[in-house]
C-alpha atoms as a PDB file:
ATOM      1  CA  MET A   1     -19.398  12.073 -21.880  1.00  0.00           C
ATOM      2  CA  ARG A   2     -17.730   8.656 -22.969  1.00  0.00           C
ATOM      3  CA  LEU A   3     -14.375   7.844 -22.030  1.00  0.00           C
ATOM      4  CA  HIS A   4     -13.059   7.841 -25.462  1.00  0.00           C
ATOM      5  CA  HIS A   5     -14.171  11.569 -25.904  1.00  0.00           C
ATOM      6  CA  VAL A   6     -12.641  12.602 -22.833  1.00  0.00           C
ATOM      7  CA  LEU A   7      -9.312  10.966 -23.790  1.00  0.00           C
ATOM      8  CA  SER A   8      -9.549  12.600 -27.029  1.00  0.00           C
ATOM      9  CA  ILE A   9      -9.977  15.962 -25.612  1.00  0.00           C
ATOM     10  CA  PHE A  10      -6.891  15.277 -23.230  1.00  0.00           C
ATOM     11  CA  ALA A  11      -5.088  13.859 -26.266  1.00  0.00           C
ATOM     12  CA  ALA A  12      -5.465  17.553 -28.154  1.00  0.00           C
ATOM     13  CA  GLY A  13      -4.380  19.161 -25.059  1.00  0.00           C
ATOM     14  CA  VAL A  14      -1.331  16.752 -24.684  1.00  0.00           C
ATOM     15  CA  ILE A  15      -0.215  17.583 -28.173  1.00  0.00           C
ATOM     16  CA  GLY A  16      -0.403  21.321 -27.391  1.00  0.00           C
ATOM     17  CA  GLN A  17       1.433  21.193 -23.895  1.00  0.00           C
ATOM     18  CA  THR A  18       4.207  18.842 -25.205  1.00  0.00           C
ATOM     19  CA  SER A  19       5.394  20.869 -28.026  1.00  0.00           C
ATOM     20  CA  ALA A  20       8.330  22.529 -25.905  1.00  0.00           C
ATOM     21  CA  ALA A  21      11.357  20.394 -25.844  1.00  0.00           C
ATOM     22  CA  SER A  22      12.597  19.631 -22.266  1.00  0.00           C
ATOM     23  CA  SER A  23      16.415  20.025 -21.384  1.00  0.00           C
ATOM     24  CA  VAL A  24      16.297  17.327 -18.892  1.00  0.00           C
ATOM     25  CA  THR A  25      18.447  14.069 -19.891  1.00  0.00           C
ATOM     26  CA  SER A  26      17.483  10.723 -18.572  1.00  0.00           C
ATOM     27  CA  ASP A  27      18.413   7.155 -19.354  1.00  0.00           C
ATOM     28  CA  SER A  28      15.697   5.512 -21.420  1.00  0.00           C
ATOM     29  CA  SER A  29      17.396   2.153 -21.752  1.00  0.00           C
ATOM     30  CA  PHE A  30      16.150   0.873 -18.592  1.00  0.00           C
ATOM     31  CA  PRO A  31      17.360  -2.797 -18.698  1.00  0.00           C
ATOM     32  CA  GLY A  32      14.885  -5.591 -18.360  1.00  0.00           C
ATOM     33  CA  TRP A  33      11.890  -4.359 -20.350  1.00  0.00           C
ATOM     34  CA  LYS A  34      10.250  -7.255 -22.096  1.00  0.00           C
ATOM     35  CA  PRO A  35       7.288  -7.550 -24.476  1.00  0.00           C
ATOM     36  CA  CYS A  36       4.089  -8.269 -22.755  1.00  0.00           C
ATOM     37  CA  PRO A  37       0.171  -7.955 -23.425  1.00  0.00           C
ATOM     38  CA  ALA A  38      -1.404  -4.433 -23.068  1.00  0.00           C
ATOM     39  CA  TYR A  39      -4.193  -6.217 -21.205  1.00  0.00           C
ATOM     40  CA  THR A  40      -3.508  -8.160 -17.893  1.00  0.00           C
ATOM     41  CA  PHE A  41      -6.718 -10.281 -18.348  1.00  0.00           C
ATOM     42  CA  PRO A  42      -7.146 -12.581 -21.591  1.00  0.00           C
ATOM     43  CA  GLY A  43      -9.799 -12.006 -23.954  1.00  0.00           C
ATOM     44  CA  GLU A  44      -9.843  -8.292 -23.751  1.00  0.00           C
ATOM     45  CA  GLY A  45      -8.126  -7.688 -27.061  1.00  0.00           C
ATOM     46  CA  GLU A  46      -4.503  -7.853 -28.426  1.00  0.00           C
ATOM     47  CA  TYR A  47      -1.915  -4.812 -28.291  1.00  0.00           C
ATOM     48  CA  GLU A  48       1.751  -4.619 -27.922  1.00  0.00           C
ATOM     49  CA  ALA A  49       3.187  -3.559 -24.681  1.00  0.00           C
ATOM     50  CA  GLU A  50       6.355  -3.763 -22.620  1.00  0.00           C
ATOM     51  CA  CYS A  51       6.562  -4.683 -19.067  1.00  0.00           C
ATOM     52  CA  VAL A  52       9.461  -4.503 -16.331  1.00  0.00           C
ATOM     53  CA  THR A  53       9.476  -5.459 -12.719  1.00  0.00           C
ATOM     54  CA  TYR A  54      12.424  -2.999 -11.110  1.00  0.00           C
ATOM     55  CA  ASP A  55      13.883  -3.034  -7.661  1.00  0.00           C
ATOM     56  CA  ALA A  56      12.745   0.277  -5.795  1.00  0.00           C
ATOM     57  CA  PRO A  57      14.322   1.318  -2.337  1.00  0.00           C
ATOM     58  CA  LEU A  58      11.937   0.026   0.532  1.00  0.00           C
ATOM     59  CA  CYS A  59      12.862   3.434   2.194  1.00  0.00           C
ATOM     60  CA  TYR A  60      13.514   6.946   0.244  1.00  0.00           C
ATOM     61  CA  LEU A  61      15.750   9.247   2.025  1.00  0.00           C
ATOM     62  CA  GLY A  62      13.754  11.523   4.444  1.00  0.00           C
ATOM     63  CA  ILE A  63      10.783   9.370   4.452  1.00  0.00           C
ATOM     64  CA  CYS A  64      11.834   6.438   6.413  1.00  0.00           C
ATOM     65  CA  GLU A  65      14.891   4.254   7.216  1.00  0.00           C
ATOM     66  CA  THR A  66      15.095   0.568   6.488  1.00  0.00           C
ATOM     67  CA  PRO A  67      15.944  -1.721   9.633  1.00  0.00           C
ATOM     68  CA  ALA A  68      18.892  -3.614   9.475  1.00  0.00           C
ATOM     69  CA  ASN A  69      16.954  -6.963   9.388  1.00  0.00           C
ATOM     70  CA  VAL A  70      14.476  -5.933   6.582  1.00  0.00           C
ATOM     71  CA  ASN A  71      15.219  -6.190   2.919  1.00  0.00           C
ATOM     72  CA  SER A  72      16.207  -2.664   1.626  1.00  0.00           C
ATOM     73  CA  THR A  73      14.335  -3.048  -1.799  1.00  0.00           C
ATOM     74  CA  ILE A  74      10.793  -3.956  -3.034  1.00  0.00           C
ATOM     75  CA  LYS A  75       9.492  -4.929  -6.566  1.00  0.00           C
ATOM     76  CA  VAL A  76       7.425  -2.302  -8.548  1.00  0.00           C
ATOM     77  CA  PHE A  77       5.729  -3.216 -11.833  1.00  0.00           C
ATOM     78  CA  VAL A  78       5.699  -0.717 -14.700  1.00  0.00           C
ATOM     79  CA  LYS A  79       4.151  -0.975 -18.030  1.00  0.00           C
ATOM     80  CA  ARG A  80       4.494   1.065 -21.212  1.00  0.00           C
ATOM     81  CA  LEU A  81       3.211   1.449 -24.929  1.00  0.00           C
ATOM     82  CA  ARG A  82       6.149   2.523 -27.063  1.00  0.00           C
ATOM     83  CA  ALA A  83       5.919   5.234 -29.458  1.00  0.00           C
ATOM     84  CA  LYS A  84       5.477   3.952 -33.098  1.00  0.00           C
ATOM     85  CA  GLY A  85       8.829   2.640 -34.786  1.00  0.00           C
ATOM     86  CA  GLY A  86      10.140   2.078 -31.342  1.00  0.00           C
ATOM     87  CA  ASN A  87      11.106   5.914 -31.064  1.00  0.00           C
ATOM     88  CA  VAL A  88      11.197   5.919 -27.219  1.00  0.00           C
ATOM     89  CA  ASP A  89      14.267   8.151 -26.852  1.00  0.00           C
ATOM     90  CA  ASP A  90      12.787  11.148 -28.718  1.00  0.00           C
ATOM     91  CA  ALA A  91       8.936  10.945 -28.201  1.00  0.00           C
ATOM     92  CA  PRO A  92       7.128  12.352 -25.572  1.00  0.00           C
ATOM     93  CA  ASN A  93       5.638  10.795 -22.635  1.00  0.00           C
ATOM     94  CA  VAL A  94       2.074  10.251 -20.952  1.00  0.00           C
ATOM     95  CA  TRP A  95       1.960   8.601 -17.729  1.00  0.00           C
ATOM     96  CA  MET A  96      -1.435   7.206 -16.430  1.00  0.00           C
ATOM     97  CA  ILE A  97      -1.757   6.700 -12.601  1.00  0.00           C
ATOM     98  CA  PRO A  98      -4.270   4.208 -11.354  1.00  0.00           C
ATOM     99  CA  GLU A  99      -5.883   3.778  -7.821  1.00  0.00           C
ATOM    100  CA  ILE A 100      -4.047   0.685  -7.359  1.00  0.00           C
ATOM    101  CA  GLU A 101      -3.073  -1.491 -10.290  1.00  0.00           C
ATOM    102  CA  CYS A 102      -2.421  -1.034 -13.892  1.00  0.00           C
ATOM    103  CA  SER A 103      -5.462  -3.206 -15.058  1.00  0.00           C
ATOM    104  CA  GLU A 104      -7.463  -0.210 -13.972  1.00  0.00           C
ATOM    105  CA  VAL A 105      -6.069   2.082 -16.978  1.00  0.00           C
ATOM    106  CA  GLU A 106      -5.000  -0.518 -19.723  1.00  0.00           C
ATOM    107  CA  HIS A 107      -8.133   0.165 -21.837  1.00  0.00           C
ATOM    108  CA  SER A 108      -7.605   4.017 -21.506  1.00  0.00           C
ATOM    109  CA  MET A 109      -3.902   3.773 -22.113  1.00  0.00           C
ATOM    110  CA  VAL A 110      -4.648   1.752 -25.528  1.00  0.00           C
ATOM    111  CA  THR A 111      -7.487   4.407 -26.316  1.00  0.00           C
ATOM    112  CA  LEU A 112      -5.129   7.091 -25.810  1.00  0.00           C
ATOM    113  CA  HIS A 113      -2.120   5.871 -27.444  1.00  0.00           C
ATOM    114  CA  LYS A 114      -4.285   5.267 -30.716  1.00  0.00           C
ATOM    115  CA  SER A 115      -5.751   8.929 -30.178  1.00  0.00           C
ATOM    116  CA  LEU A 116      -2.166  10.182 -30.331  1.00  0.00           C
ATOM    117  CA  GLU A 117      -1.348   8.096 -33.459  1.00  0.00           C
ATOM    118  CA  LYS A 118       1.308   6.146 -31.400  1.00  0.00           C
ATOM    119  CA  VAL A 119       3.736   9.131 -31.310  1.00  0.00           C
ATOM    120  CA  PHE A 120       3.804   9.133 -27.633  1.00  0.00           C
ATOM    121  CA  ASN A 121       5.281   6.687 -24.889  1.00  0.00           C
ATOM    122  CA  VAL A 122       2.281   5.847 -22.653  1.00  0.00           C
ATOM    123  CA  TYR A 123       3.319   4.620 -19.109  1.00  0.00           C
ATOM    124  CA  THR A 124       1.585   3.398 -16.092  1.00  0.00           C
ATOM    125  CA  MET A 125       3.002   1.903 -12.843  1.00  0.00           C
ATOM    126  CA  ASP A 126       1.325  -0.372 -10.093  1.00  0.00           C
ATOM    127  CA  LEU A 127       0.922   1.320  -6.645  1.00  0.00           C
ATOM    128  CA  ARG A 128       3.735  -0.086  -4.443  1.00  0.00           C
ATOM    129  CA  GLY A 129       2.679  -2.905  -2.196  1.00  0.00           C
ATOM    130  CA  ASN A 130       0.154  -3.959  -5.059  1.00  0.00           C
ATOM    131  CA  GLY A 131      -0.252  -5.688  -8.186  1.00  0.00           C
ATOM    132  CA  ARG A 132       2.632  -7.515  -9.590  1.00  0.00           C
ATOM    133  CA  GLY A 133       5.220  -5.956  -7.217  1.00  0.00           C
ATOM    134  CA  THR A 134       5.996  -6.743  -3.811  1.00  0.00           C
ATOM    135  CA  LEU A 135       2.739  -7.183  -1.929  1.00  0.00           C
ATOM    136  CA  LEU A 136       1.857  -5.406   1.297  1.00  0.00           C
ATOM    137  CA  ASP A 137      -0.065  -8.299   2.729  1.00  0.00           C
ATOM    138  CA  CYS A 138      -0.384 -10.248   6.178  1.00  0.00           C
ATOM    139  CA  ALA A 139      -0.486 -13.478   4.499  1.00  0.00           C
ATOM    140  CA  SER A 140       2.737 -13.086   2.702  1.00  0.00           C
ATOM    141  CA  GLY A 141       4.657 -12.281   5.832  1.00  0.00           C
ATOM    142  CA  GLN A 142       7.295 -14.423   7.321  1.00  0.00           C
ATOM    143  CA  SER A 143       4.993 -15.227  10.745  1.00  0.00           C
ATOM    144  CA  THR A 144       2.995 -17.767  12.127  1.00  0.00           C
ATOM    145  CA  THR A 145       0.591 -15.412  13.424  1.00  0.00           C
ATOM    146  CA  SER A 146      -3.075 -16.327  12.009  1.00  0.00           C
ATOM    147  CA  VAL A 147      -4.751 -13.575  10.281  1.00  0.00           C
ATOM    148  CA  SER A 148      -8.090 -13.674   8.607  1.00  0.00           C
ATOM    149  CA  GLN A 149      -9.102 -13.120   5.057  1.00  0.00           C
ATOM    150  CA  SER A 150     -10.862  -9.742   4.250  1.00  0.00           C
ATOM    151  CA  GLU A 151     -14.147 -11.636   3.769  1.00  0.00           C
ATOM    152  CA  SER A 152     -14.175 -13.188   7.234  1.00  0.00           C
ATOM    153  CA  PRO A 153     -16.308 -11.822  10.105  1.00  0.00           C
ATOM    154  CA  ASP A 154     -13.050 -11.942  12.405  1.00  0.00           C
ATOM    155  CA  TYR A 155     -11.192  -9.715   9.931  1.00  0.00           C
ATOM    156  CA  LEU A 156     -11.572  -6.616  11.573  1.00  0.00           C
ATOM    157  CA  THR A 157     -10.345  -7.971  15.048  1.00  0.00           C
ATOM    158  CA  ASP A 158      -7.404  -8.918  13.583  1.00  0.00           C
ATOM    159  CA  ILE A 159      -6.262  -5.827  12.179  1.00  0.00           C
ATOM    160  CA  PRO A 160      -3.662  -5.309  14.865  1.00  0.00           C
ATOM    161  CA  ALA A 161      -2.272  -8.547  14.439  1.00  0.00           C
ATOM    162  CA  CYS A 162      -1.991  -7.783  10.505  1.00  0.00           C
ATOM    163  CA  ALA A 163      -0.344  -4.354  11.289  1.00  0.00           C
ATOM    164  CA  GLN A 164       2.325  -6.009  13.646  1.00  0.00           C
ATOM    165  CA  ILE A 165       3.070  -8.707  10.868  1.00  0.00           C
ATOM    166  CA  LEU A 166       3.531  -5.861   8.444  1.00  0.00           C
ATOM    167  CA  GLN A 167       5.685  -3.972  11.048  1.00  0.00           C
ATOM    168  CA  ASP A 168       7.901  -6.828  11.782  1.00  0.00           C
ATOM    169  CA  GLN A 169       8.462  -7.461   8.019  1.00  0.00           C
ATOM    170  CA  TYR A 170       8.938  -4.080   6.600  1.00  0.00           C
ATOM    171  CA  GLY A 171       9.763  -1.753   9.753  1.00  0.00           C
ATOM    172  CA  ASP A 172       8.244   1.689   9.392  1.00  0.00           C
ATOM    173  CA  LEU A 173       5.078   1.477   6.928  1.00  0.00           C
ATOM    174  CA  ALA A 174       5.609   5.108   5.727  1.00  0.00           C
ATOM    175  CA  SER A 175       7.596   3.111   3.096  1.00  0.00           C
ATOM    176  CA  PHE A 176       4.162   2.499   1.544  1.00  0.00           C
ATOM    177  CA  SER A 177       2.788   5.722   1.858  1.00  0.00           C
ATOM    178  CA  ILE A 178       1.420   7.911  -0.773  1.00  0.00           C
ATOM    179  CA  THR A 179       4.705  10.008  -0.732  1.00  0.00           C
ATOM    180  CA  SER A 180       6.563   6.733  -1.207  1.00  0.00           C
ATOM    181  CA  ALA A 181       4.552   5.765  -4.137  1.00  0.00           C
ATOM    182  CA  ALA A 182       4.838   9.438  -5.680  1.00  0.00           C
ATOM    183  CA  THR A 183       8.593   9.057  -5.190  1.00  0.00           C
ATOM    184  CA  ASP A 184       8.511   5.854  -7.326  1.00  0.00           C
ATOM    185  CA  THR A 185       7.065   7.713 -10.180  1.00  0.00           C
ATOM    186  CA  PHE A 186       9.130  10.714  -9.851  1.00  0.00           C
ATOM    187  CA  THR A 187      12.376   8.690  -9.688  1.00  0.00           C
ATOM    188  CA  PHE A 188      11.273   6.393 -12.679  1.00  0.00           C
ATOM    189  CA  ILE A 189      10.566   9.479 -14.910  1.00  0.00           C
ATOM    190  CA  HIS A 190      13.657  11.279 -13.895  1.00  0.00           C
ATOM    191  CA  LYS A 191      16.179   8.378 -14.118  1.00  0.00           C
ATOM    192  CA  TYR A 192      14.695   5.757 -16.716  1.00  0.00           C
ATOM    193  CA  THR A 193      12.649   7.702 -19.327  1.00  0.00           C
ATOM    194  CA  ASN A 194      13.988   9.776 -22.021  1.00  0.00           C
ATOM    195  CA  GLY A 195      13.639  13.356 -20.250  1.00  0.00           C
ATOM    196  CA  ALA A 196      11.288  14.473 -23.049  1.00  0.00           C
ATOM    197  CA  SER A 197       8.039  16.433 -22.105  1.00  0.00           C
ATOM    198  CA  THR A 198       5.762  14.600 -20.016  1.00  0.00           C
ATOM    199  CA  ILE A 199       2.218  14.708 -18.780  1.00  0.00           C
ATOM    200  CA  VAL A 200       0.829  12.888 -16.044  1.00  0.00           C
ATOM    201  CA  TYR A 201      -2.764  11.809 -15.843  1.00  0.00           C
ATOM    202  CA  GLY A 202      -4.216  10.702 -12.475  1.00  0.00           C
ATOM    203  CA  VAL A 203      -7.527   8.468 -12.542  1.00  0.00           C
ATOM    204  CA  SER A 204      -9.827   8.105  -9.468  1.00  0.00           C
ATOM    205  CA  GLY A 205      -7.531   7.373  -6.281  1.00  0.00           C
ATOM    206  CA  GLY A 206      -4.527   7.940  -8.404  1.00  0.00           C
ATOM    207  CA  THR A 207      -5.290  11.671  -8.270  1.00  0.00           C
ATOM    208  CA  MET A 208      -4.043  11.759  -4.683  1.00  0.00           C
ATOM    209  CA  GLN A 209      -0.721  10.346  -5.662  1.00  0.00           C
ATOM    210  CA  VAL A 210      -0.483  12.580  -8.693  1.00  0.00           C
ATOM    211  CA  GLN A 211      -0.991  15.737  -6.163  1.00  0.00           C
ATOM    212  CA  ARG A 212       1.993  14.501  -4.399  1.00  0.00           C
ATOM    213  CA  LEU A 213       3.879  14.143  -7.347  1.00  0.00           C
ATOM    214  CA  MET A 214       3.163  17.885  -8.225  1.00  0.00           C
ATOM    215  CA  GLN A 215       4.890  18.944  -4.826  1.00  0.00           C
ATOM    216  CA  LEU A 216       7.986  16.949  -5.973  1.00  0.00           C
ATOM    217  CA  ASP A 217       7.975  18.709  -9.141  1.00  0.00           C
ATOM    218  CA  PRO A 218      10.019  16.526 -11.600  1.00  0.00           C
ATOM    219  CA  LEU A 219      11.703  18.892 -13.885  1.00  0.00           C
ATOM    220  CA  SER A 220      10.652  17.179 -17.519  1.00  0.00           C
ATOM    221  CA  VAL A 221       6.769  16.984 -16.200  1.00  0.00           C
ATOM    222  CA  ASN A 222       4.942  20.025 -17.662  1.00  0.00           C
ATOM    223  CA  GLY A 223       1.326  19.271 -17.130  1.00  0.00           C
ATOM    224  CA  TYR A 224      -0.865  17.094 -14.751  1.00  0.00           C
ATOM    225  CA  VAL A 225      -4.722  15.997 -15.184  1.00  0.00           C
ATOM    226  CA  LEU A 226      -6.512  14.938 -12.094  1.00  0.00           C
ATOM    227  CA  ASP A 227      -9.427  12.756 -13.205  1.00  0.00           C
ATOM    228  CA  GLY A 228     -10.965  12.398  -9.879  1.00  0.00           C
ATOM    229  CA  ALA A 229     -11.548  14.204  -6.440  1.00  0.00           C
ATOM    230  CA  MET A 230      -9.293  12.621  -3.942  1.00  0.00           C
ATOM    231  CA  ALA A 231      -7.036  15.165  -2.209  1.00  0.00           C
ATOM    232  CA  TYR A 232      -3.853  14.312  -0.633  1.00  0.00           C
ATOM    233  CA  ALA A 233      -3.398  17.454   1.171  1.00  0.00           C
ATOM    234  CA  ILE A 234      -6.472  18.942   3.057  1.00  0.00           C
ATOM    235  CA  SER A 235      -7.533  21.356   6.056  1.00  0.00           C
ATOM    236  CA  PRO A 236      -5.921  20.067   9.527  1.00  0.00           C
ATOM    237  CA  ALA A 237      -9.529  20.978  10.824  1.00  0.00           C
ATOM    238  CA  LYS A 238     -10.964  18.298   8.312  1.00  0.00           C
ATOM    239  CA  LYS A 239     -10.611  14.476   8.382  1.00  0.00           C
ATOM    240  CA  THR A 240     -11.517  12.386   5.392  1.00  0.00           C
ATOM    241  CA  TYR A 241     -13.334   9.246   5.594  1.00  0.00           C
ATOM    242  CA  TRP A 242     -14.768   7.021   2.830  1.00  0.00           C
ATOM    243  CA  SER A 243     -18.415   7.033   4.703  1.00  0.00           C
ATOM    244  CA  ASP A 244     -18.306  10.780   3.707  1.00  0.00           C
ATOM    245  CA  TYR A 245     -17.647  10.002  -0.066  1.00  0.00           C
ATOM    246  CA  ASP A 246     -21.014  10.805  -1.404  1.00  0.00           C
ATOM    247  CA  ALA A 247     -21.348  14.061   0.754  1.00  0.00           C
ATOM    248  CA  ASP A 248     -17.937  15.258  -0.454  1.00  0.00           C
ATOM    249  CA  PHE A 249     -18.895  14.770  -4.018  1.00  0.00           C
ATOM    250  CA  ALA A 250     -22.649  16.561  -3.212  1.00  0.00           C
ATOM    251  CA  SER A 251     -20.707  19.925  -3.371  1.00  0.00           C
ATOM    252  CA  VAL A 252     -19.331  19.221  -6.606  1.00  0.00           C
ATOM    253  CA  GLY A 253     -22.902  18.273  -7.784  1.00  0.00           C
ATOM    254  CA  ASP A 254     -24.449  21.097  -6.325  1.00  0.00           C
ATOM    255  CA  THR A 255     -22.106  23.468  -8.210  1.00  0.00           C
ATOM    256  CA  PHE A 256     -22.752  21.980 -11.345  1.00  0.00           C
ATOM    257  CA  MET A 257     -26.596  22.269 -11.074  1.00  0.00           C
ATOM    258  CA  LYS A 258     -26.423  25.815 -10.248  1.00  0.00           C
ATOM    259  CA  LEU A 259     -25.209  26.290 -13.752  1.00  0.00           C
ATOM    260  CA  CYS A 260     -28.539  25.460 -15.026  1.00  0.00           C
ATOM    261  CA  ALA A 261     -29.967  28.709 -13.772  1.00  0.00           C
ATOM    262  CA  GLN A 262     -27.559  30.449 -16.251  1.00  0.00           C
ATOM    263  CA  ASP A 263     -28.270  28.245 -19.152  1.00  0.00           C
ATOM    264  CA  ARG A 264     -31.637  29.502 -21.172  1.00  0.00           C
ATOM    265  CA  ASP A 265     -32.570  26.091 -22.267  1.00  0.00           C
ATOM    266  CA  CYS A 266     -31.914  24.325 -19.075  1.00  0.00           C
ATOM    267  CA  ALA A 267     -33.538  27.043 -16.783  1.00  0.00           C
ATOM    268  CA  SER A 268     -36.949  26.891 -18.889  1.00  0.00           C
ATOM    269  CA  HIS A 269     -37.457  23.451 -17.585  1.00  0.00           C
ATOM    270  CA  PHE A 270     -37.090  24.376 -13.845  1.00  0.00           C
ATOM    271  CA  LYS A 271     -38.957  27.598 -13.537  1.00  0.00           C
ATOM    272  CA  ALA A 272     -41.045  26.899 -10.448  1.00  0.00           C
ATOM    273  CA  THR A 273     -38.204  25.062  -8.586  1.00  0.00           C
ATOM    274  CA  SER A 274     -34.272  24.832  -9.273  1.00  0.00           C
ATOM    275  CA  LEU A 275     -32.951  21.712 -10.660  1.00  0.00           C
ATOM    276  CA  SER A 276     -31.316  20.827  -7.305  1.00  0.00           C
ATOM    277  CA  ALA A 277     -34.844  21.017  -5.441  1.00  0.00           C
ATOM    278  CA  THR A 278     -36.385  18.868  -8.092  1.00  0.00           C
ATOM    279  CA  LEU A 279     -33.668  16.272  -7.917  1.00  0.00           C
ATOM    280  CA  HIS A 280     -33.854  16.212  -3.907  1.00  0.00           C
ATOM    281  CA  HIS A 281     -37.539  15.748  -4.201  1.00  0.00           C
ATOM    282  CA  LEU A 282     -37.242  12.839  -6.878  1.00  0.00           C
ATOM    283  CA  LEU A 283     -34.972  11.218  -4.336  1.00  0.00           C
ATOM    284  CA  GLN A 284     -37.435  11.589  -1.402  1.00  0.00           C
ATOM    285  CA  ASN A 285     -40.005   9.987  -3.580  1.00  0.00           C
ATOM    286  CA  PHE A 286     -37.757   7.101  -4.527  1.00  0.00           C
ATOM    287  CA  ASP A 287     -37.126   6.497  -0.681  1.00  0.00           C
ATOM    288  CA  ARG A 288     -40.989   6.677   0.125  1.00  0.00           C
ATOM    289  CA  ASN A 289     -41.710   4.169  -3.004  1.00  0.00           C
ATOM    290  CA  PRO A 290     -38.658   2.298  -3.821  1.00  0.00           C
ATOM    291  CA  ASN A 291     -40.879  -0.186  -6.004  1.00  0.00           C
ATOM    292  CA  SER A 292     -42.026   2.636  -8.214  1.00  0.00           C
ATOM    293  CA  THR A 293     -41.477   2.301 -11.779  1.00  0.00           C
ATOM    294  CA  CYS A 294     -39.173   5.371 -11.787  1.00  0.00           C
ATOM    295  CA  ALA A 295     -37.152   3.941  -8.906  1.00  0.00           C
ATOM    296  CA  SER A 296     -36.704   0.717 -10.596  1.00  0.00           C
ATOM    297  CA  LEU A 297     -35.351   2.494 -13.776  1.00  0.00           C
ATOM    298  CA  VAL A 298     -32.334   3.527 -11.711  1.00  0.00           C
ATOM    299  CA  SER A 299     -31.994   0.650  -9.275  1.00  0.00           C
ATOM    300  CA  ASN A 300     -31.632  -2.054 -11.993  1.00  0.00           C
ATOM    301  CA  SER A 301     -28.608  -2.137 -14.161  1.00  0.00           C
ATOM    302  CA  SER A 302     -29.154  -2.024 -18.123  1.00  0.00           C
ATOM    303  CA  GLU A 303     -27.072  -2.143 -21.200  1.00  0.00           C
ATOM    304  CA  TYR A 304     -29.093   0.610 -22.562  1.00  0.00           C
ATOM    305  CA  VAL A 305     -28.662   4.446 -22.086  1.00  0.00           C
ATOM    306  CA  PRO A 306     -31.302   6.298 -19.852  1.00  0.00           C
ATOM    307  CA  ALA A 307     -32.968   7.612 -22.809  1.00  0.00           C
ATOM    308  CA  VAL A 308     -33.637   4.670 -24.616  1.00  0.00           C
ATOM    309  CA  VAL A 309     -35.202   3.044 -21.426  1.00  0.00           C
ATOM    310  CA  LEU A 310     -37.312   5.805 -20.690  1.00  0.00           C
ATOM    311  CA  GLN A 311     -38.616   5.925 -24.224  1.00  0.00           C
ATOM    312  CA  THR A 312     -39.426   2.135 -23.949  1.00  0.00           C
ATOM    313  CA  THR A 313     -40.949   2.382 -20.540  1.00  0.00           C
ATOM    314  CA  ARG A 314     -44.399   4.032 -19.655  1.00  0.00           C
ATOM    315  CA  VAL A 315     -43.960   6.300 -16.791  1.00  0.00           C
ATOM    316  CA  VAL A 316     -46.949   8.240 -15.595  1.00  0.00           C
ATOM    317  CA  SER A 317     -45.391  10.168 -12.627  1.00  0.00           C
ATOM    318  CA  CYS A 318     -42.249   9.909 -10.434  1.00  0.00           C
END
């Protein structure tokens, strides 16, 4: 399903969920908002937005304590698309939480803003330590210690030195945790938006931050969307690693493919073996013959959708 279809469905749900008024009152006249391009990179289109870089506490109460010799605030970047007519004070709100930087969701923000006929305010925020705010970066530390860049073969061996630089600069690095990032969003929604009904949409790794925000339970937020599968809280017996990414998603795919047996049209194509077994057999064939026509169809990028590629390519057997 194309992204704009997903966002259109989401937009319909947003309109339904935000019909109830919120009793929370906030100050939406946060100082420092300035006109800025909706898109970070030039050449991606023109659309009006507003941006602000504000001072957030390095350490929130109960998360960490700021050392006496460390700056007690950091910069965090926020962008919004205002409701039509500049109706910021009364319009409902949508927050789109990226994995790291606002630029990841800017196209989706504009699409959603248009789908909602510009009657909603659409916000996003850089993850603290990234983007146009204060960078959590060894190279920016006030230290003469030499640390290799990430593309250097010495990078992994320099990680302890990097960690020490960051600790010297910021103290307890819980200040850059997911909880601290979620508290940024919680605080901005509570203090600096209009208190109207709010939906929060997490994208990719941003879903982890949104799950933490759900636990903080901001009063004006009456709906959440998790457009991804990264969990903040898991069973203590299970540890998560990026190397397990595909395996973790496999259970989602297996559950989806099992639905084929319950669909008459889908099941009619997989009478001898299940859809899952057929797919695994196909992947094994790819491994045995990576230069086959079928394997090349999925290994080479193309601007055409798979159906068009298949219609223009003679495939005898996969």
